[in-house]
Amino acid sequence: MGQTAETTRRVAGVELPAPGSYTVDTAHSTVDVVARHLMVTKVRGHFAKFSGTVTIAEVPEESSVTATIDAASFTSSDERRDGHVRSADFLDVEHYPTITFESTRLVPGKGAEFQLEGNLTVHGITKPITLDCEYLGISSHPHMGTRAGLSASTEIDRFDFGVAFNAALETGGLIVSRNVRIELEVQLVAPQQ
């Protein structure tokens, strides 16, 4: 089933979702983090519990995003590592149970690409970040309704957020990299018509 005039509009040559408040479909979305371990391999983890709302405005640049992540839902397929990441050495989920993001500005790019600026709060510390985003399109399904998709990524210095546990290696570098990559794959559910 294709899109209808009510679910899409064309702006600057790109077919965009109609204005409205879209919710993140957590069953079809992912929030991943990637860090280097011993400076030689990338280790990937993800957060299993999160929620978010994307408010698409009539003028796309006025759109906004809010998201909340359950910090204790971090998992990397290794129970010992997961426990350590959740501990006071890293996320300290007992004292800081949520990670939040609130957008402040959307900057159009080329075609379906854009940047989303906003405030990320981790470990009780709020810092501005910029997400590099790509709008992936919109689709309608008779049972699932209208859906839109996007990918986003950024890299943060975890020390900026007070997540500074580490140990130096004899060969130089750190056990866990300061820089952590955040990768998002997001499917949005359109408001009911």
N, C-alpha and C. Protein backbone atom coordinates (compact mmCIF):
# COMPACT_ATOMS: atom_id res chain seq x y z
N MET A 1 0.84 -1.18 0.00
CA MET A 1 0.00 0.00 0.00
C MET A 1 0.88 1.24 0.00
N GLY A 2 0.67 2.14 -0.92
CA GLY A 2 1.51 3.33 -1.04
C GLY A 2 1.06 4.44 -0.12
N GLN A 3 1.78 5.55 -0.21
CA GLN A 3 1.46 6.70 0.60
C GLN A 3 0.26 7.44 0.00
N THR A 4 -0.38 8.23 0.81
CA THR A 4 -1.50 9.05 0.35
C THR A 4 -1.14 10.51 0.52
N ALA A 5 -1.95 11.37 -0.05
CA ALA A 5 -1.70 12.81 0.06
C ALA A 5 -1.70 13.28 1.50
N GLU A 6 -2.45 12.57 2.37
CA GLU A 6 -2.54 12.99 3.77
C GLU A 6 -1.29 12.60 4.58
N THR A 7 -0.51 11.62 4.10
CA THR A 7 0.62 11.13 4.90
C THR A 7 1.97 11.67 4.46
N THR A 8 2.02 12.31 3.28
CA THR A 8 3.30 12.82 2.80
C THR A 8 3.14 14.20 2.17
N ARG A 9 4.28 14.84 1.97
CA ARG A 9 4.35 16.11 1.24
C ARG A 9 5.76 16.22 0.68
N ARG A 10 5.93 16.98 -0.35
CA ARG A 10 7.24 17.13 -0.97
C ARG A 10 7.81 18.49 -0.59
N VAL A 11 9.02 18.47 0.00
CA VAL A 11 9.71 19.70 0.40
C VAL A 11 11.12 19.63 -0.16
N ALA A 12 11.49 20.62 -0.93
CA ALA A 12 12.83 20.69 -1.54
C ALA A 12 13.19 19.39 -2.26
N GLY A 13 12.20 18.80 -2.93
CA GLY A 13 12.43 17.60 -3.72
C GLY A 13 12.44 16.30 -2.94
N VAL A 14 12.19 16.35 -1.62
CA VAL A 14 12.20 15.15 -0.79
C VAL A 14 10.79 14.89 -0.28
N GLU A 15 10.32 13.64 -0.39
CA GLU A 15 9.00 13.29 0.12
C GLU A 15 9.08 13.11 1.63
N LEU A 16 8.46 14.00 2.38
CA LEU A 16 8.52 14.02 3.84
C LEU A 16 7.18 13.61 4.45
N PRO A 17 7.21 13.15 5.70
CA PRO A 17 5.95 12.85 6.39
C PRO A 17 5.14 14.12 6.63
N ALA A 18 3.85 13.95 6.73
CA ALA A 18 2.96 15.07 7.07
C ALA A 18 3.27 15.56 8.48
N PRO A 19 2.99 16.81 8.79
CA PRO A 19 3.21 17.32 10.14
C PRO A 19 2.42 16.50 11.16
N GLY A 20 2.97 16.40 12.37
CA GLY A 20 2.30 15.67 13.45
C GLY A 20 3.30 15.16 14.46
N SER A 21 2.78 14.50 15.49
CA SER A 21 3.61 13.95 16.56
C SER A 21 3.77 12.45 16.35
N TYR A 22 4.97 12.03 16.00
CA TYR A 22 5.29 10.64 15.70
C TYR A 22 6.00 10.01 16.90
N THR A 23 5.68 8.75 17.19
CA THR A 23 6.33 8.05 18.31
C THR A 23 7.32 7.03 17.76
N VAL A 24 8.37 6.78 18.53
CA VAL A 24 9.38 5.80 18.15
C VAL A 24 8.82 4.40 18.38
N ASP A 25 8.89 3.57 17.35
CA ASP A 25 8.51 2.15 17.45
C ASP A 25 9.73 1.41 17.98
N THR A 26 9.74 1.11 19.27
CA THR A 26 10.93 0.52 19.89
C THR A 26 11.19 -0.91 19.42
N ALA A 27 10.18 -1.59 18.88
CA ALA A 27 10.39 -2.95 18.37
C ALA A 27 11.15 -2.94 17.05
N HIS A 28 11.16 -1.81 16.36
CA HIS A 28 11.83 -1.73 15.07
C HIS A 28 12.87 -0.61 15.04
N SER A 29 13.42 -0.27 16.20
CA SER A 29 14.43 0.77 16.31
C SER A 29 15.57 0.27 17.20
N THR A 30 16.75 0.85 17.06
CA THR A 30 17.89 0.46 17.89
C THR A 30 18.66 1.69 18.36
N VAL A 31 19.22 1.58 19.56
CA VAL A 31 20.12 2.59 20.13
C VAL A 31 21.40 1.86 20.49
N ASP A 32 22.44 2.04 19.67
CA ASP A 32 23.71 1.33 19.86
C ASP A 32 24.81 2.29 20.27
N VAL A 33 25.78 1.77 21.01
CA VAL A 33 26.99 2.50 21.36
C VAL A 33 28.19 1.63 21.00
N VAL A 34 29.26 2.28 20.53
CA VAL A 34 30.46 1.57 20.12
C VAL A 34 31.66 2.25 20.76
N ALA A 35 32.50 1.45 21.43
CA ALA A 35 33.73 1.97 22.03
C ALA A 35 34.87 1.02 21.70
N ARG A 36 36.07 1.53 21.70
CA ARG A 36 37.24 0.67 21.49
C ARG A 36 37.66 0.05 22.82
N HIS A 37 38.03 -1.21 22.78
CA HIS A 37 38.54 -1.91 23.96
C HIS A 37 39.99 -2.28 23.71
N LEU A 38 40.86 -1.94 24.66
CA LEU A 38 42.31 -2.15 24.55
C LEU A 38 42.88 -1.48 23.30
N MET A 39 42.13 -0.54 22.76
CA MET A 39 42.53 0.25 21.60
C MET A 39 42.69 -0.59 20.32
N VAL A 40 42.23 -1.83 20.32
CA VAL A 40 42.40 -2.67 19.14
C VAL A 40 41.10 -3.20 18.55
N THR A 41 40.03 -3.26 19.34
CA THR A 41 38.76 -3.76 18.81
C THR A 41 37.63 -2.82 19.19
N LYS A 42 36.59 -2.86 18.39
CA LYS A 42 35.38 -2.10 18.70
C LYS A 42 34.39 -3.05 19.37
N VAL A 43 33.87 -2.61 20.51
CA VAL A 43 32.86 -3.39 21.23
C VAL A 43 31.55 -2.64 21.14
N ARG A 44 30.50 -3.36 20.77
CA ARG A 44 29.18 -2.76 20.57
C ARG A 44 28.25 -3.18 21.69
N GLY A 45 27.49 -2.22 22.19
CA GLY A 45 26.42 -2.49 23.14
C GLY A 45 25.18 -1.74 22.70
N HIS A 46 24.09 -2.03 23.32
CA HIS A 46 22.88 -1.28 22.99
C HIS A 46 21.98 -1.15 24.21
N PHE A 47 21.04 -0.23 24.09
CA PHE A 47 20.05 -0.03 25.14
C PHE A 47 18.75 -0.66 24.66
N ALA A 48 18.19 -1.53 25.48
CA ALA A 48 17.00 -2.28 25.10
C ALA A 48 15.70 -1.52 25.37
N LYS A 49 15.74 -0.54 26.28
CA LYS A 49 14.52 0.19 26.64
C LYS A 49 14.72 1.69 26.41
N PHE A 50 13.84 2.26 25.60
CA PHE A 50 13.92 3.68 25.27
C PHE A 50 12.57 4.12 24.72
N SER A 51 12.37 5.41 24.67
CA SER A 51 11.15 5.97 24.09
C SER A 51 11.50 7.31 23.47
N GLY A 52 10.64 7.76 22.56
CA GLY A 52 10.91 9.04 21.95
C GLY A 52 9.73 9.55 21.15
N THR A 53 9.73 10.85 20.93
CA THR A 53 8.70 11.51 20.14
C THR A 53 9.38 12.47 19.18
N VAL A 54 8.94 12.43 17.93
CA VAL A 54 9.41 13.37 16.92
C VAL A 54 8.20 14.19 16.49
N THR A 55 8.27 15.48 16.71
CA THR A 55 7.20 16.38 16.28
C THR A 55 7.63 17.02 14.97
N ILE A 56 6.98 16.60 13.89
CA ILE A 56 7.30 17.12 12.57
C ILE A 56 6.44 18.35 12.32
N ALA A 57 7.12 19.47 12.11
CA ALA A 57 6.44 20.75 11.95
C ALA A 57 6.10 21.00 10.48
N GLU A 58 5.19 21.95 10.28
CA GLU A 58 4.84 22.36 8.91
C GLU A 58 6.09 22.83 8.18
N VAL A 59 6.91 23.62 8.85
CA VAL A 59 8.22 24.02 8.34
C VAL A 59 9.22 23.01 8.92
N PRO A 60 9.80 22.12 8.10
CA PRO A 60 10.63 21.03 8.63
C PRO A 60 11.71 21.46 9.62
N GLU A 61 12.31 22.64 9.40
CA GLU A 61 13.38 23.11 10.29
C GLU A 61 12.89 23.40 11.70
N GLU A 62 11.58 23.50 11.89
CA GLU A 62 11.02 23.76 13.21
C GLU A 62 10.61 22.46 13.93
N SER A 63 10.93 21.32 13.34
CA SER A 63 10.62 20.03 13.96
C SER A 63 11.46 19.83 15.21
N SER A 64 11.02 18.92 16.10
CA SER A 64 11.74 18.70 17.35
C SER A 64 11.71 17.22 17.74
N VAL A 65 12.65 16.86 18.61
CA VAL A 65 12.80 15.47 19.07
C VAL A 65 13.03 15.46 20.57
N THR A 66 12.37 14.54 21.26
CA THR A 66 12.70 14.25 22.66
C THR A 66 12.83 12.73 22.79
N ALA A 67 13.80 12.29 23.59
CA ALA A 67 14.01 10.85 23.77
C ALA A 67 14.52 10.58 25.17
N THR A 68 14.14 9.42 25.68
CA THR A 68 14.59 8.96 27.00
C THR A 68 15.05 7.51 26.88
N ILE A 69 16.21 7.22 27.47
CA ILE A 69 16.78 5.87 27.47
C ILE A 69 16.88 5.39 28.90
N ASP A 70 16.49 4.15 29.13
CA ASP A 70 16.66 3.50 30.43
C ASP A 70 18.11 3.03 30.52
N ALA A 71 18.94 3.72 31.30
CA ALA A 71 20.36 3.41 31.37
C ALA A 71 20.63 1.99 31.83
N ALA A 72 19.78 1.45 32.69
CA ALA A 72 19.98 0.08 33.21
C ALA A 72 19.70 -0.98 32.16
N SER A 73 19.15 -0.58 31.00
CA SER A 73 18.84 -1.56 29.96
C SER A 73 20.03 -1.82 29.05
N PHE A 74 21.21 -1.28 29.39
CA PHE A 74 22.41 -1.51 28.58
C PHE A 74 22.75 -2.99 28.55
N THR A 75 23.06 -3.49 27.37
CA THR A 75 23.48 -4.88 27.23
C THR A 75 24.48 -5.00 26.08
N SER A 76 25.44 -5.90 26.26
CA SER A 76 26.45 -6.12 25.22
C SER A 76 26.73 -7.61 25.02
N SER A 77 25.86 -8.45 25.55
CA SER A 77 26.00 -9.91 25.46
C SER A 77 27.10 -10.46 26.35
N ASP A 78 27.55 -9.68 27.32
CA ASP A 78 28.52 -10.15 28.29
C ASP A 78 28.09 -9.62 29.66
N GLU A 79 27.57 -10.49 30.50
CA GLU A 79 26.99 -10.06 31.78
C GLU A 79 27.97 -9.31 32.66
N ARG A 80 29.23 -9.74 32.68
CA ARG A 80 30.22 -9.07 33.52
C ARG A 80 30.46 -7.64 33.04
N ARG A 81 30.64 -7.49 31.73
CA ARG A 81 30.85 -6.15 31.17
C ARG A 81 29.61 -5.28 31.38
N ASP A 82 28.42 -5.86 31.16
CA ASP A 82 27.19 -5.10 31.31
C ASP A 82 27.04 -4.57 32.74
N GLY A 83 27.35 -5.42 33.71
CA GLY A 83 27.29 -5.00 35.11
C GLY A 83 28.26 -3.87 35.40
N HIS A 84 29.46 -3.95 34.81
CA HIS A 84 30.47 -2.92 35.03
C HIS A 84 30.03 -1.60 34.39
N VAL A 85 29.47 -1.65 33.17
CA VAL A 85 29.01 -0.43 32.50
C VAL A 85 27.88 0.22 33.29
N ARG A 86 27.01 -0.59 33.90
CA ARG A 86 25.90 -0.04 34.69
C ARG A 86 26.35 0.48 36.05
N SER A 87 27.53 0.09 36.52
CA SER A 87 28.01 0.43 37.85
C SER A 87 28.42 1.90 37.95
N ALA A 88 28.81 2.30 39.17
CA ALA A 88 29.25 3.68 39.42
C ALA A 88 30.51 4.04 38.63
N ASP A 89 31.25 3.05 38.14
CA ASP A 89 32.44 3.34 37.33
C ASP A 89 32.07 3.99 36.00
N PHE A 90 30.90 3.67 35.48
CA PHE A 90 30.50 4.20 34.17
C PHE A 90 29.16 4.94 34.26
N LEU A 91 28.04 4.28 33.97
CA LEU A 91 26.75 4.97 33.91
C LEU A 91 26.13 5.27 35.27
N ASP A 92 26.49 4.51 36.30
CA ASP A 92 25.95 4.71 37.65
C ASP A 92 24.42 4.79 37.61
N VAL A 93 23.81 3.72 37.10
CA VAL A 93 22.36 3.72 36.86
C VAL A 93 21.55 3.85 38.15
N GLU A 94 22.13 3.52 39.29
CA GLU A 94 21.42 3.69 40.56
C GLU A 94 21.11 5.16 40.82
N HIS A 95 22.07 6.03 40.49
CA HIS A 95 21.89 7.46 40.73
C HIS A 95 21.41 8.22 39.49
N TYR A 96 21.67 7.68 38.31
CA TYR A 96 21.30 8.34 37.05
C TYR A 96 20.58 7.34 36.15
N PRO A 97 19.32 7.05 36.45
CA PRO A 97 18.61 5.97 35.76
C PRO A 97 18.23 6.25 34.31
N THR A 98 18.27 7.52 33.88
CA THR A 98 17.88 7.81 32.51
C THR A 98 18.94 8.64 31.79
N ILE A 99 18.95 8.47 30.49
CA ILE A 99 19.73 9.29 29.56
C ILE A 99 18.68 10.00 28.70
N THR A 100 18.83 11.30 28.52
CA THR A 100 17.81 12.03 27.75
C THR A 100 18.44 12.86 26.64
N PHE A 101 17.61 13.14 25.64
CA PHE A 101 18.01 14.02 24.55
C PHE A 101 16.83 14.92 24.21
N GLU A 102 17.11 16.21 24.05
CA GLU A 102 16.12 17.18 23.59
C GLU A 102 16.75 18.02 22.50
N SER A 103 16.11 18.02 21.33
CA SER A 103 16.67 18.78 20.22
C SER A 103 16.49 20.28 20.44
N THR A 104 17.40 21.05 19.83
CA THR A 104 17.32 22.51 19.90
C THR A 104 17.26 23.13 18.51
N ARG A 105 17.70 22.37 17.49
CA ARG A 105 17.75 22.93 16.14
C ARG A 105 17.91 21.83 15.12
N LEU A 106 17.21 21.97 13.99
CA LEU A 106 17.37 21.06 12.86
C LEU A 106 17.97 21.86 11.72
N VAL A 107 19.08 21.35 11.17
CA VAL A 107 19.79 22.05 10.11
C VAL A 107 19.72 21.19 8.84
N PRO A 108 19.00 21.65 7.81
CA PRO A 108 18.89 20.88 6.57
C PRO A 108 20.25 20.70 5.91
N GLY A 109 20.42 19.56 5.26
CA GLY A 109 21.64 19.29 4.50
C GLY A 109 21.29 19.00 3.06
N LYS A 110 22.07 18.15 2.44
CA LYS A 110 21.87 17.81 1.05
C LYS A 110 20.85 16.68 0.93
N GLY A 111 19.82 16.87 0.13
CA GLY A 111 18.81 15.83 -0.10
C GLY A 111 18.11 15.44 1.19
N ALA A 112 18.24 14.17 1.57
CA ALA A 112 17.56 13.64 2.75
C ALA A 112 18.44 13.69 4.00
N GLU A 113 19.59 14.36 3.92
CA GLU A 113 20.49 14.45 5.07
C GLU A 113 20.22 15.74 5.85
N PHE A 114 20.43 15.67 7.16
CA PHE A 114 20.29 16.85 8.00
C PHE A 114 21.06 16.64 9.29
N GLN A 115 21.27 17.71 10.02
CA GLN A 115 21.89 17.63 11.33
C GLN A 115 20.86 18.02 12.38
N LEU A 116 20.89 17.29 13.48
CA LEU A 116 19.98 17.56 14.59
C LEU A 116 20.84 17.94 15.79
N GLU A 117 20.73 19.19 16.20
CA GLU A 117 21.47 19.68 17.36
C GLU A 117 20.57 19.57 18.58
N GLY A 118 21.17 19.28 19.74
CA GLY A 118 20.38 19.18 20.94
C GLY A 118 21.22 18.95 22.17
N ASN A 119 20.54 18.78 23.29
CA ASN A 119 21.19 18.58 24.57
C ASN A 119 21.05 17.14 25.01
N LEU A 120 22.20 16.49 25.24
CA LEU A 120 22.25 15.12 25.72
C LEU A 120 22.61 15.15 27.20
N THR A 121 21.84 14.41 28.02
CA THR A 121 22.13 14.32 29.44
C THR A 121 22.49 12.87 29.77
N VAL A 122 23.72 12.68 30.24
CA VAL A 122 24.24 11.38 30.65
C VAL A 122 24.91 11.56 32.00
N HIS A 123 24.64 10.67 32.94
CA HIS A 123 25.35 10.72 34.23
C HIS A 123 25.10 12.05 34.94
N GLY A 124 23.91 12.65 34.68
CA GLY A 124 23.53 13.90 35.33
C GLY A 124 24.17 15.14 34.72
N ILE A 125 24.91 15.00 33.63
CA ILE A 125 25.58 16.12 32.98
C ILE A 125 24.98 16.34 31.60
N THR A 126 24.63 17.59 31.31
CA THR A 126 24.02 17.93 30.02
C THR A 126 25.02 18.69 29.17
N LYS A 127 25.19 18.22 27.92
CA LYS A 127 26.10 18.85 26.96
C LYS A 127 25.43 18.89 25.60
N PRO A 128 25.76 19.90 24.79
CA PRO A 128 25.22 19.95 23.42
C PRO A 128 25.93 18.92 22.54
N ILE A 129 25.17 18.29 21.66
CA ILE A 129 25.73 17.38 20.67
C ILE A 129 25.06 17.65 19.32
N THR A 130 25.65 17.12 18.27
CA THR A 130 25.07 17.20 16.94
C THR A 130 25.00 15.79 16.36
N LEU A 131 23.80 15.39 15.96
CA LEU A 131 23.59 14.10 15.31
C LEU A 131 23.58 14.30 13.80
N ASP A 132 24.36 13.49 13.09
CA ASP A 132 24.30 13.47 11.63
C ASP A 132 23.20 12.49 11.25
N CYS A 133 22.19 12.97 10.52
CA CYS A 133 20.99 12.18 10.27
C CYS A 133 20.73 12.01 8.78
N GLU A 134 20.04 10.91 8.48
CA GLU A 134 19.56 10.66 7.13
C GLU A 134 18.12 10.18 7.22
N TYR A 135 17.24 10.88 6.54
CA TYR A 135 15.83 10.48 6.46
C TYR A 135 15.74 9.36 5.43
N LEU A 136 15.15 8.22 5.81
CA LEU A 136 15.13 7.03 4.96
C LEU A 136 13.85 6.82 4.19
N GLY A 137 12.83 7.62 4.47
CA GLY A 137 11.60 7.52 3.70
C GLY A 137 10.39 7.20 4.56
N ILE A 138 9.27 7.00 3.86
CA ILE A 138 7.99 6.76 4.52
C ILE A 138 7.26 5.65 3.78
N SER A 139 6.50 4.86 4.54
CA SER A 139 5.75 3.76 3.95
C SER A 139 4.46 3.56 4.73
N SER A 140 3.46 3.04 4.06
CA SER A 140 2.19 2.73 4.73
C SER A 140 1.89 1.25 4.59
N HIS A 141 1.30 0.69 5.63
CA HIS A 141 0.94 -0.73 5.68
C HIS A 141 -0.49 -0.83 6.20
N PRO A 142 -1.31 -1.72 5.63
CA PRO A 142 -2.71 -1.77 6.05
C PRO A 142 -2.92 -2.11 7.52
N HIS A 143 -1.98 -2.84 8.14
CA HIS A 143 -2.14 -3.22 9.55
C HIS A 143 -1.26 -2.41 10.50
N MET A 144 -0.17 -1.86 9.99
CA MET A 144 0.77 -1.14 10.85
C MET A 144 0.70 0.37 10.69
N GLY A 145 -0.08 0.86 9.75
CA GLY A 145 -0.22 2.30 9.56
C GLY A 145 0.97 2.89 8.82
N THR A 146 1.13 4.18 8.95
CA THR A 146 2.20 4.90 8.26
C THR A 146 3.43 4.95 9.14
N ARG A 147 4.58 4.64 8.53
CA ARG A 147 5.86 4.62 9.24
C ARG A 147 6.88 5.45 8.47
N ALA A 148 7.77 6.10 9.21
CA ALA A 148 8.89 6.84 8.62
C ALA A 148 10.17 6.35 9.29
N GLY A 149 11.28 6.44 8.59
CA GLY A 149 12.54 5.95 9.13
C GLY A 149 13.66 6.95 9.01
N LEU A 150 14.61 6.84 9.93
CA LEU A 150 15.82 7.66 9.85
C LEU A 150 16.96 6.97 10.56
N SER A 151 18.17 7.31 10.13
CA SER A 151 19.41 6.87 10.78
C SER A 151 20.09 8.09 11.33
N ALA A 152 20.78 7.94 12.45
CA ALA A 152 21.51 9.07 13.05
C ALA A 152 22.74 8.55 13.77
N SER A 153 23.77 9.36 13.81
CA SER A 153 24.98 8.98 14.53
C SER A 153 25.73 10.22 15.00
N THR A 154 26.53 10.01 16.02
CA THR A 154 27.42 11.05 16.52
C THR A 154 28.52 10.38 17.34
N GLU A 155 29.51 11.14 17.71
CA GLU A 155 30.56 10.63 18.58
C GLU A 155 30.70 11.61 19.74
N ILE A 156 30.78 11.07 20.95
CA ILE A 156 30.94 11.92 22.12
C ILE A 156 32.19 11.51 22.89
N ASP A 157 32.71 12.44 23.66
CA ASP A 157 33.80 12.16 24.60
C ASP A 157 33.12 11.86 25.94
N ARG A 158 33.17 10.62 26.37
CA ARG A 158 32.44 10.24 27.59
C ARG A 158 32.97 10.97 28.83
N PHE A 159 34.23 11.41 28.79
CA PHE A 159 34.77 12.17 29.92
C PHE A 159 34.00 13.47 30.11
N ASP A 160 33.49 14.06 29.02
CA ASP A 160 32.70 15.30 29.10
C ASP A 160 31.44 15.11 29.94
N PHE A 161 30.97 13.86 30.04
CA PHE A 161 29.75 13.55 30.78
C PHE A 161 30.04 12.92 32.15
N GLY A 162 31.27 13.02 32.60
CA GLY A 162 31.62 12.49 33.91
C GLY A 162 31.77 10.99 33.96
N VAL A 163 31.82 10.34 32.79
CA VAL A 163 32.00 8.88 32.72
C VAL A 163 33.48 8.67 32.40
N ALA A 164 34.32 8.81 33.44
CA ALA A 164 35.76 8.93 33.22
C ALA A 164 36.57 7.75 33.75
N PHE A 165 35.92 6.66 34.18
CA PHE A 165 36.69 5.51 34.65
C PHE A 165 37.60 5.01 33.54
N ASN A 166 38.84 4.70 33.87
CA ASN A 166 39.75 4.12 32.90
C ASN A 166 41.04 3.69 33.55
N ALA A 167 41.83 2.99 32.79
CA ALA A 167 43.18 2.61 33.21
C ALA A 167 44.06 2.69 31.98
N ALA A 168 45.29 3.17 32.16
CA ALA A 168 46.23 3.30 31.05
C ALA A 168 46.84 1.94 30.73
N LEU A 169 47.14 1.75 29.47
CA LEU A 169 47.83 0.54 29.01
C LEU A 169 49.33 0.79 29.01
N GLU A 170 50.12 -0.26 29.21
CA GLU A 170 51.58 -0.12 29.18
C GLU A 170 52.07 0.39 27.84
N THR A 171 51.34 0.04 26.79
CA THR A 171 51.74 0.44 25.44
C THR A 171 51.17 1.80 25.04
N GLY A 172 50.52 2.48 25.97
CA GLY A 172 49.87 3.75 25.68
C GLY A 172 48.40 3.53 25.39
N GLY A 173 47.64 4.57 25.48
CA GLY A 173 46.21 4.44 25.26
C GLY A 173 45.49 4.02 26.53
N LEU A 174 44.20 3.76 26.40
CA LEU A 174 43.35 3.42 27.52
C LEU A 174 42.65 2.09 27.29
N ILE A 175 42.22 1.45 28.38
CA ILE A 175 41.49 0.19 28.25
C ILE A 175 40.21 0.39 27.44
N VAL A 176 39.47 1.48 27.74
CA VAL A 176 38.26 1.81 27.01
C VAL A 176 38.42 3.21 26.44
N SER A 177 38.15 3.38 25.16
CA SER A 177 38.34 4.67 24.51
C SER A 177 37.50 5.77 25.15
N ARG A 178 38.03 6.98 25.12
CA ARG A 178 37.26 8.14 25.60
C ARG A 178 36.09 8.40 24.67
N ASN A 179 36.34 8.28 23.39
CA ASN A 179 35.29 8.56 22.40
C ASN A 179 34.38 7.36 22.22
N VAL A 180 33.10 7.63 22.26
CA VAL A 180 32.07 6.59 22.10
C VAL A 180 31.17 7.02 20.96
N ARG A 181 30.94 6.11 20.04
CA ARG A 181 30.05 6.39 18.92
C ARG A 181 28.64 5.96 19.27
N ILE A 182 27.67 6.81 18.95
CA ILE A 182 26.25 6.51 19.16
C ILE A 182 25.63 6.33 17.78
N GLU A 183 24.93 5.21 17.58
CA GLU A 183 24.29 4.92 16.30
C GLU A 183 22.83 4.60 16.53
N LEU A 184 21.95 5.28 15.81
CA LEU A 184 20.51 5.11 15.97
C LEU A 184 19.87 4.69 14.65
N GLU A 185 19.00 3.71 14.72
CA GLU A 185 18.12 3.35 13.60
C GLU A 185 16.71 3.50 14.15
N VAL A 186 15.93 4.40 13.58
CA VAL A 186 14.66 4.77 14.19
C VAL A 186 13.51 4.61 13.20
N GLN A 187 12.48 3.89 13.64
CA GLN A 187 11.24 3.80 12.88
C GLN A 187 10.17 4.55 13.67
N LEU A 188 9.50 5.46 12.98
CA LEU A 188 8.50 6.32 13.61
C LEU A 188 7.10 5.90 13.20
N VAL A 189 6.18 5.95 14.15
CA VAL A 189 4.78 5.63 13.90
C VAL A 189 4.01 6.93 13.77
N ALA A 190 3.33 7.11 12.65
CA ALA A 190 2.56 8.33 12.42
C ALA A 190 1.35 8.40 13.32
N PRO A 191 0.91 9.61 13.63
CA PRO A 191 -0.32 9.74 14.42
C PRO A 191 -1.50 9.17 13.63
N GLN A 192 -2.50 8.68 14.36
CA GLN A 192 -3.69 8.14 13.72
C GLN A 192 -4.41 9.24 12.97
N GLN A 193 -4.84 8.93 11.76
CA GLN A 193 -5.56 9.92 10.93
C GLN A 193 -7.01 9.99 11.35
